[in-house]
Amino acid sequence: PFDGDVGVSLSSGGADRQQLTEWEERFGVAVPRDADPCLWTPLQLAQALDEAGLGETAKELLAQGVDGRVALTLTRKDDDALRDEMGLVLAERRKLLVFLTDLRAREETSPGSDPTVF
């Protein structure tokens, strides 16, 4: 079974980003830029987080198999779980929640989006 390890080290470093790009090309996987985040796979979510400067958080969510649909349900109420179960420090948790809030807002203002459907 897939354990979340894709052999890619995510971080904000250029070498790791190049490694991810090579992995995407090799396996034909890429984050569709205009895709509905609710449909993102764990790898697509991890890439989006990495591009937003949240490489360490991306690794943890990828390891847990968190996809876009699940990520968009995370709120401040999940703070303890993000800390205790995923080991995210305060700054990482806050940055993740800001990223998700911005992503939700973008989706709510997109034409044809239905913010009540996840």
Foldseek 3Di string as FASTA:
>chain_A
DDQLCPPQQFFLDPVSVVVVVVSCVVVVDEQDPPDQQLPFWLVNVLVVCSVVGLRVLSSLSSSVRDGSNNLLVDDVVCVVCCCPVRVDDPVSVVVSRVVSVVSLVVQVPDPPHDSVDD
